[in-house]
Amino acid sequence: VPAGKQLVVTTDTICEGVHFIGDEPPALIAQKLLRSNLSDLAAKGAAPHCYFLCLSLPKSLPAREEWLASFASGLAADQREFGIHLAGGDTTATEGKPTLSITAHGLVDT
């Protein structure tokens, strides 16, 4: 953390069937997930810094490669717009529905 700053951390998880229907464009799902974290940072007065992404996706996800490409393009667009970058994360397969999570870090003045 840079001198004169404090770290603010927030996390949100979204699940198909609860937070999104599942037939939305993956880019919009990605933006919903990232923006829910960005909103939390803004509520705390924090400037976005970086985020960690965890994806638990069904093995049987139709058009998996295309889904991931669209999801990544939605994240990339919001990264540029809001000045935040991906710092890491994890992926796993599931027999269930997609579960997506972001933990975002922001900075505030001390």
N, C-alpha and C. Protein backbone atom coordinates (compact mmCIF):
# COMPACT_ATOMS: atom_id res chain seq x y z
N VAL A 1 0.86 -1.18 0.00
CA VAL A 1 0.00 0.00 0.00
C VAL A 1 0.90 1.23 0.00
N PRO A 2 0.68 2.16 -0.90
CA PRO A 2 1.51 3.36 -0.95
C PRO A 2 1.42 4.18 0.35
N ALA A 3 2.50 4.89 0.64
CA ALA A 3 2.51 5.76 1.81
C ALA A 3 1.37 6.77 1.72
N GLY A 4 0.74 7.04 2.85
CA GLY A 4 -0.37 8.00 2.89
C GLY A 4 -1.70 7.44 2.44
N LYS A 5 -1.75 6.14 2.19
CA LYS A 5 -2.99 5.48 1.74
C LYS A 5 -3.35 4.35 2.69
N GLN A 6 -4.62 3.99 2.68
CA GLN A 6 -5.12 2.81 3.38
C GLN A 6 -5.81 1.91 2.37
N LEU A 7 -5.75 0.61 2.63
CA LEU A 7 -6.37 -0.37 1.76
C LEU A 7 -7.81 -0.60 2.18
N VAL A 8 -8.70 -0.63 1.21
CA VAL A 8 -10.11 -0.97 1.41
C VAL A 8 -10.37 -2.22 0.58
N VAL A 9 -11.01 -3.23 1.19
CA VAL A 9 -11.27 -4.49 0.51
C VAL A 9 -12.76 -4.80 0.56
N THR A 10 -13.28 -5.28 -0.56
CA THR A 10 -14.68 -5.69 -0.63
C THR A 10 -14.77 -6.94 -1.48
N THR A 11 -15.81 -7.72 -1.28
CA THR A 11 -16.01 -8.91 -2.11
C THR A 11 -17.49 -9.13 -2.37
N ASP A 12 -17.78 -9.63 -3.55
CA ASP A 12 -19.15 -9.96 -3.93
C ASP A 12 -19.13 -11.25 -4.75
N THR A 13 -20.15 -12.05 -4.56
CA THR A 13 -20.34 -13.28 -5.31
C THR A 13 -21.71 -13.24 -5.97
N ILE A 14 -21.76 -13.69 -7.22
CA ILE A 14 -23.04 -13.79 -7.90
C ILE A 14 -23.20 -15.21 -8.44
N CYS A 15 -24.44 -15.71 -8.41
CA CYS A 15 -24.75 -17.07 -8.82
C CYS A 15 -25.87 -17.05 -9.86
N GLU A 16 -25.71 -17.90 -10.87
CA GLU A 16 -26.78 -18.04 -11.86
C GLU A 16 -28.05 -18.52 -11.17
N GLY A 17 -29.17 -17.92 -11.55
CA GLY A 17 -30.45 -18.30 -10.98
C GLY A 17 -30.81 -17.50 -9.74
N VAL A 18 -29.84 -16.78 -9.19
CA VAL A 18 -30.09 -15.92 -8.04
C VAL A 18 -29.83 -14.46 -8.41
N HIS A 19 -28.64 -14.18 -8.96
CA HIS A 19 -28.24 -12.81 -9.27
C HIS A 19 -28.28 -12.50 -10.76
N PHE A 20 -28.34 -13.52 -11.59
CA PHE A 20 -28.51 -13.34 -13.03
C PHE A 20 -29.21 -14.57 -13.58
N ILE A 21 -29.93 -14.39 -14.68
CA ILE A 21 -30.75 -15.47 -15.24
C ILE A 21 -29.88 -16.56 -15.85
N GLY A 22 -28.86 -16.15 -16.60
CA GLY A 22 -27.98 -17.12 -17.24
C GLY A 22 -27.95 -17.01 -18.74
N ASP A 23 -28.96 -16.35 -19.32
CA ASP A 23 -28.95 -16.18 -20.77
C ASP A 23 -28.48 -14.78 -21.19
N GLU A 24 -28.03 -13.98 -20.22
CA GLU A 24 -27.49 -12.66 -20.54
C GLU A 24 -26.15 -12.83 -21.27
N PRO A 25 -25.75 -11.81 -22.04
CA PRO A 25 -24.41 -11.87 -22.62
C PRO A 25 -23.36 -11.95 -21.50
N PRO A 26 -22.38 -12.83 -21.63
CA PRO A 26 -21.37 -12.96 -20.59
C PRO A 26 -20.65 -11.65 -20.26
N ALA A 27 -20.47 -10.78 -21.25
CA ALA A 27 -19.82 -9.48 -20.99
C ALA A 27 -20.62 -8.68 -19.98
N LEU A 28 -21.94 -8.73 -20.06
CA LEU A 28 -22.78 -7.99 -19.10
C LEU A 28 -22.74 -8.62 -17.71
N ILE A 29 -22.65 -9.95 -17.65
CA ILE A 29 -22.52 -10.62 -16.35
C ILE A 29 -21.22 -10.18 -15.68
N ALA A 30 -20.14 -10.14 -16.46
CA ALA A 30 -18.84 -9.72 -15.93
C ALA A 30 -18.90 -8.28 -15.41
N GLN A 31 -19.54 -7.41 -16.17
CA GLN A 31 -19.62 -6.01 -15.75
C GLN A 31 -20.49 -5.86 -14.51
N LYS A 32 -21.55 -6.63 -14.41
CA LYS A 32 -22.38 -6.58 -13.20
C LYS A 32 -21.56 -6.98 -11.98
N LEU A 33 -20.78 -8.04 -12.12
CA LEU A 33 -19.96 -8.53 -11.02
C LEU A 33 -18.91 -7.50 -10.62
N LEU A 34 -18.18 -6.97 -11.58
CA LEU A 34 -17.14 -5.99 -11.26
C LEU A 34 -17.74 -4.71 -10.71
N ARG A 35 -18.82 -4.24 -11.31
CA ARG A 35 -19.42 -2.98 -10.87
C ARG A 35 -20.03 -3.08 -9.48
N SER A 36 -20.49 -4.24 -9.07
CA SER A 36 -21.01 -4.35 -7.70
C SER A 36 -19.88 -4.11 -6.70
N ASN A 37 -18.69 -4.56 -7.02
CA ASN A 37 -17.52 -4.30 -6.17
C ASN A 37 -17.07 -2.85 -6.27
N LEU A 38 -17.08 -2.30 -7.47
CA LEU A 38 -16.69 -0.90 -7.64
C LEU A 38 -17.63 0.03 -6.88
N SER A 39 -18.91 -0.32 -6.85
CA SER A 39 -19.89 0.45 -6.10
C SER A 39 -19.57 0.44 -4.61
N ASP A 40 -19.19 -0.73 -4.10
CA ASP A 40 -18.81 -0.84 -2.69
C ASP A 40 -17.59 0.02 -2.38
N LEU A 41 -16.60 0.00 -3.28
CA LEU A 41 -15.41 0.84 -3.07
C LEU A 41 -15.79 2.32 -3.08
N ALA A 42 -16.62 2.71 -4.02
CA ALA A 42 -17.05 4.11 -4.11
C ALA A 42 -17.79 4.54 -2.85
N ALA A 43 -18.61 3.65 -2.30
CA ALA A 43 -19.36 3.97 -1.08
C ALA A 43 -18.41 4.22 0.10
N LYS A 44 -17.22 3.66 0.03
CA LYS A 44 -16.23 3.86 1.08
C LYS A 44 -15.25 4.98 0.74
N GLY A 45 -15.46 5.64 -0.40
CA GLY A 45 -14.59 6.73 -0.83
C GLY A 45 -13.25 6.26 -1.36
N ALA A 46 -13.17 5.01 -1.78
CA ALA A 46 -11.90 4.42 -2.23
C ALA A 46 -11.78 4.46 -3.75
N ALA A 47 -10.58 4.75 -4.22
CA ALA A 47 -10.28 4.68 -5.65
C ALA A 47 -9.95 3.23 -5.99
N PRO A 48 -10.49 2.70 -7.08
CA PRO A 48 -10.20 1.31 -7.46
C PRO A 48 -8.71 1.11 -7.69
N HIS A 49 -8.21 -0.05 -7.28
CA HIS A 49 -6.79 -0.37 -7.48
C HIS A 49 -6.64 -1.68 -8.25
N CYS A 50 -7.09 -2.80 -7.67
CA CYS A 50 -6.97 -4.09 -8.34
C CYS A 50 -8.06 -5.03 -7.83
N TYR A 51 -8.19 -6.19 -8.51
CA TYR A 51 -9.19 -7.16 -8.05
C TYR A 51 -8.71 -8.57 -8.32
N PHE A 52 -9.32 -9.51 -7.58
CA PHE A 52 -9.08 -10.93 -7.73
C PHE A 52 -10.39 -11.57 -8.17
N LEU A 53 -10.32 -12.41 -9.17
CA LEU A 53 -11.50 -13.02 -9.78
C LEU A 53 -11.49 -14.53 -9.56
N CYS A 54 -12.60 -15.06 -9.06
CA CYS A 54 -12.76 -16.51 -8.91
C CYS A 54 -13.98 -16.96 -9.70
N LEU A 55 -13.77 -17.94 -10.57
CA LEU A 55 -14.84 -18.47 -11.41
C LEU A 55 -15.02 -19.95 -11.13
N SER A 56 -16.24 -20.34 -10.86
CA SER A 56 -16.59 -21.74 -10.75
C SER A 56 -17.63 -21.99 -11.84
N LEU A 57 -17.18 -22.63 -12.92
CA LEU A 57 -18.02 -22.78 -14.11
C LEU A 57 -18.34 -24.24 -14.37
N PRO A 58 -19.56 -24.50 -14.86
CA PRO A 58 -19.95 -25.88 -15.18
C PRO A 58 -19.05 -26.48 -16.26
N LYS A 59 -18.74 -27.74 -16.09
CA LYS A 59 -17.96 -28.45 -17.11
C LYS A 59 -18.71 -28.47 -18.43
N SER A 60 -20.03 -28.46 -18.34
CA SER A 60 -20.88 -28.58 -19.53
C SER A 60 -21.35 -27.22 -20.06
N LEU A 61 -20.68 -26.14 -19.69
CA LEU A 61 -21.08 -24.81 -20.17
C LEU A 61 -21.04 -24.78 -21.69
N PRO A 62 -22.21 -24.52 -22.34
CA PRO A 62 -22.22 -24.48 -23.80
C PRO A 62 -21.30 -23.38 -24.31
N ALA A 63 -20.59 -23.67 -25.38
CA ALA A 63 -19.71 -22.69 -26.02
C ALA A 63 -18.77 -22.04 -24.99
N ARG A 64 -18.15 -22.85 -24.16
CA ARG A 64 -17.31 -22.39 -23.04
C ARG A 64 -16.25 -21.37 -23.49
N GLU A 65 -15.55 -21.65 -24.58
CA GLU A 65 -14.50 -20.74 -25.06
C GLU A 65 -15.08 -19.37 -25.44
N GLU A 66 -16.20 -19.38 -26.14
CA GLU A 66 -16.84 -18.13 -26.55
C GLU A 66 -17.39 -17.38 -25.33
N TRP A 67 -17.94 -18.12 -24.36
CA TRP A 67 -18.47 -17.53 -23.14
C TRP A 67 -17.35 -16.81 -22.41
N LEU A 68 -16.22 -17.48 -22.24
CA LEU A 68 -15.09 -16.88 -21.54
C LEU A 68 -14.53 -15.66 -22.28
N ALA A 69 -14.47 -15.71 -23.59
CA ALA A 69 -13.97 -14.58 -24.37
C ALA A 69 -14.88 -13.37 -24.19
N SER A 70 -16.18 -13.57 -24.21
CA SER A 70 -17.12 -12.47 -24.01
C SER A 70 -17.03 -11.94 -22.58
N PHE A 71 -16.95 -12.83 -21.61
CA PHE A 71 -16.81 -12.44 -20.21
C PHE A 71 -15.56 -11.59 -20.03
N ALA A 72 -14.44 -12.02 -20.59
CA ALA A 72 -13.18 -11.29 -20.48
C ALA A 72 -13.26 -9.92 -21.16
N SER A 73 -13.98 -9.84 -22.27
CA SER A 73 -14.10 -8.55 -22.96
C SER A 73 -14.90 -7.55 -22.12
N GLY A 74 -15.92 -8.04 -21.40
CA GLY A 74 -16.67 -7.16 -20.50
C GLY A 74 -15.81 -6.65 -19.37
N LEU A 75 -15.00 -7.53 -18.79
CA LEU A 75 -14.07 -7.10 -17.73
C LEU A 75 -13.06 -6.09 -18.27
N ALA A 76 -12.50 -6.38 -19.43
CA ALA A 76 -11.49 -5.49 -20.02
C ALA A 76 -12.04 -4.08 -20.26
N ALA A 77 -13.27 -4.00 -20.74
CA ALA A 77 -13.89 -2.70 -20.99
C ALA A 77 -14.04 -1.91 -19.69
N ASP A 78 -14.51 -2.58 -18.64
CA ASP A 78 -14.67 -1.89 -17.36
C ASP A 78 -13.34 -1.59 -16.69
N GLN A 79 -12.34 -2.44 -16.88
CA GLN A 79 -11.02 -2.15 -16.34
C GLN A 79 -10.51 -0.82 -16.91
N ARG A 80 -10.65 -0.65 -18.22
CA ARG A 80 -10.21 0.61 -18.86
C ARG A 80 -11.03 1.78 -18.35
N GLU A 81 -12.34 1.61 -18.29
CA GLU A 81 -13.22 2.72 -17.89
C GLU A 81 -13.00 3.16 -16.45
N PHE A 82 -12.77 2.21 -15.55
CA PHE A 82 -12.72 2.54 -14.12
C PHE A 82 -11.32 2.49 -13.51
N GLY A 83 -10.29 2.24 -14.33
CA GLY A 83 -8.92 2.29 -13.85
C GLY A 83 -8.58 1.24 -12.80
N ILE A 84 -8.92 0.00 -13.07
CA ILE A 84 -8.64 -1.11 -12.15
C ILE A 84 -8.01 -2.24 -12.96
N HIS A 85 -7.22 -3.09 -12.31
CA HIS A 85 -6.61 -4.20 -13.04
C HIS A 85 -6.76 -5.51 -12.28
N LEU A 86 -6.75 -6.59 -13.04
CA LEU A 86 -6.83 -7.92 -12.49
C LEU A 86 -5.49 -8.28 -11.87
N ALA A 87 -5.50 -8.74 -10.61
CA ALA A 87 -4.26 -9.07 -9.90
C ALA A 87 -4.11 -10.58 -9.68
N GLY A 88 -5.16 -11.35 -9.90
CA GLY A 88 -5.06 -12.79 -9.70
C GLY A 88 -6.43 -13.40 -9.50
N GLY A 89 -6.45 -14.63 -9.04
CA GLY A 89 -7.71 -15.30 -8.79
C GLY A 89 -7.59 -16.80 -8.94
N ASP A 90 -8.71 -17.44 -9.25
CA ASP A 90 -8.74 -18.89 -9.34
C ASP A 90 -9.90 -19.31 -10.22
N THR A 91 -9.78 -20.48 -10.82
CA THR A 91 -10.88 -21.07 -11.58
C THR A 91 -11.05 -22.51 -11.15
N THR A 92 -12.29 -22.97 -11.23
CA THR A 92 -12.59 -24.36 -10.92
C THR A 92 -13.81 -24.78 -11.73
N ALA A 93 -13.98 -26.08 -11.85
CA ALA A 93 -15.15 -26.62 -12.54
C ALA A 93 -16.17 -27.07 -11.50
N THR A 94 -17.42 -27.03 -11.90
CA THR A 94 -18.50 -27.45 -11.01
C THR A 94 -19.52 -28.26 -11.80
N GLU A 95 -20.26 -29.06 -11.11
CA GLU A 95 -21.39 -29.78 -11.72
C GLU A 95 -22.64 -28.91 -11.67
N GLY A 96 -22.59 -27.83 -10.89
CA GLY A 96 -23.73 -26.94 -10.72
C GLY A 96 -23.69 -25.76 -11.66
N LYS A 97 -24.40 -24.71 -11.25
CA LYS A 97 -24.48 -23.48 -12.04
C LYS A 97 -23.27 -22.60 -11.78
N PRO A 98 -22.99 -21.65 -12.70
CA PRO A 98 -21.84 -20.76 -12.51
C PRO A 98 -21.96 -19.94 -11.22
N THR A 99 -20.85 -19.85 -10.52
CA THR A 99 -20.71 -18.99 -9.35
C THR A 99 -19.45 -18.16 -9.57
N LEU A 100 -19.60 -16.84 -9.50
CA LEU A 100 -18.54 -15.91 -9.86
C LEU A 100 -18.30 -14.95 -8.70
N SER A 101 -17.04 -14.70 -8.40
CA SER A 101 -16.73 -13.86 -7.25
C SER A 101 -15.56 -12.93 -7.56
N ILE A 102 -15.65 -11.72 -7.06
CA ILE A 102 -14.55 -10.75 -7.15
C ILE A 102 -14.29 -10.20 -5.76
N THR A 103 -13.00 -10.11 -5.44
CA THR A 103 -12.55 -9.38 -4.27
C THR A 103 -11.76 -8.19 -4.80
N ALA A 104 -12.24 -6.99 -4.51
CA ALA A 104 -11.62 -5.78 -5.05
C ALA A 104 -10.89 -5.01 -3.96
N HIS A 105 -9.77 -4.41 -4.36
CA HIS A 105 -8.99 -3.58 -3.46
C HIS A 105 -9.04 -2.14 -3.97
N GLY A 106 -9.22 -1.21 -3.04
CA GLY A 106 -9.20 0.20 -3.36
C GLY A 106 -8.30 0.93 -2.37
N LEU A 107 -8.03 2.19 -2.68
CA LEU A 107 -7.16 2.99 -1.82
C LEU A 107 -7.85 4.28 -1.41
N VAL A 108 -7.67 4.63 -0.14
CA VAL A 108 -8.17 5.91 0.39
C VAL A 108 -7.00 6.62 1.05
N ASP A 109 -7.10 7.95 1.11
CA ASP A 109 -6.09 8.73 1.82
C ASP A 109 -6.23 8.49 3.31
N THR A 110 -5.08 8.46 4.01
CA THR A 110 -5.13 8.29 5.48
C THR A 110 -5.38 9.61 6.16
